[in-house]
Amino acid sequence: MSDHESLVRAYLRAIERGEVVGHESDWYVDDAVQIELPNRLIPSGATRDLAALKLAGEFGDRTEEAR
């Protein structure tokens, strides 16, 4: 298994376990940009830098806890 494949598998495991929020710096470079295409939750789509990714992750966690 290549280093890249190991990293991707570890990232996917972290997502499955809910271990990415609060540890974004372990997975993203400081100047990361996420582009979210339009979808049912965000019809206009979104573009987020690392700070916005962290906020969105925290919001998502709170939303899940409220269920």
Protein backbone atom coordinates (compact mmCIF):
# COMPACT_ATOMS: atom_id res chain seq x y z
CA MET A 1 0.00 0.00 0.00
CA SER A 2 1.39 3.42 -0.94
CA ASP A 3 1.78 6.29 1.54
CA HIS A 4 -1.02 8.15 -0.24
CA GLU A 5 -3.36 5.18 -0.04
CA SER A 6 -2.59 4.74 3.66
CA LEU A 7 -3.32 8.42 4.28
CA VAL A 8 -6.64 8.27 2.40
CA ARG A 9 -7.70 5.12 4.26
CA ALA A 10 -6.78 6.69 7.62
CA TYR A 11 -8.78 9.83 6.70
CA LEU A 12 -11.83 7.79 5.73
CA ARG A 13 -11.61 5.84 9.01
CA ALA A 14 -11.43 9.14 10.91
CA ILE A 15 -14.56 10.34 9.10
CA GLU A 16 -16.40 7.10 9.91
CA ARG A 17 -15.46 7.43 13.58
CA GLY A 18 -16.32 11.13 13.75
CA GLU A 19 -12.72 12.02 14.57
CA VAL A 20 -12.07 14.77 12.02
CA VAL A 21 -13.85 17.69 13.72
CA GLY A 22 -11.43 19.34 16.09
CA HIS A 23 -8.48 17.71 14.32
CA GLU A 24 -8.73 19.36 10.91
CA SER A 25 -5.09 20.43 11.03
CA ASP A 26 -4.12 16.75 11.00
CA TRP A 27 -5.78 16.34 7.60
CA TYR A 28 -5.72 19.70 5.82
CA VAL A 29 -2.97 22.13 4.89
CA ASP A 30 -3.33 25.68 6.22
CA ASP A 31 -4.42 27.09 2.86
CA ALA A 32 -6.93 24.34 2.05
CA VAL A 33 -10.08 25.31 0.16
CA GLN A 34 -13.17 23.09 -0.03
CA ILE A 35 -15.59 23.64 -2.88
CA GLU A 36 -19.02 22.15 -2.20
CA LEU A 37 -21.21 21.81 -5.23
CA PRO A 38 -24.89 22.78 -5.03
CA ASN A 39 -27.00 20.17 -3.26
CA ARG A 40 -30.24 19.89 -1.29
CA LEU A 41 -28.70 21.20 1.93
CA ILE A 42 -26.80 24.07 0.30
CA PRO A 43 -28.56 24.85 -3.01
CA SER A 44 -26.08 27.57 -3.98
CA GLY A 45 -23.02 25.51 -3.01
CA ALA A 46 -20.20 26.82 -0.83
CA THR A 47 -16.50 27.57 -0.79
CA ARG A 48 -14.74 27.22 2.57
CA ASP A 49 -11.22 27.88 3.83
CA LEU A 50 -9.81 25.93 6.79
CA ALA A 51 -11.42 28.19 9.40
CA ALA A 52 -14.82 27.84 7.71
CA LEU A 53 -14.34 24.05 7.46
CA LYS A 54 -13.78 23.93 11.21
CA LEU A 55 -16.93 25.97 11.88
CA ALA A 56 -18.98 23.82 9.51
CA GLY A 57 -17.70 20.67 11.21
CA GLU A 58 -18.62 21.99 14.64
CA PHE A 59 -22.08 22.98 13.37
CA GLY A 60 -22.54 19.53 11.87
CA ASP A 61 -21.56 17.88 15.16
CA ARG A 62 -24.05 20.01 17.09
CA THR A 63 -26.75 19.17 14.53
CA GLU A 64 -26.08 15.43 14.93
CA GLU A 65 -26.15 15.71 18.74
CA ALA A 66 -29.54 17.44 18.58
CA ARG A 67 -31.11 14.46 16.82
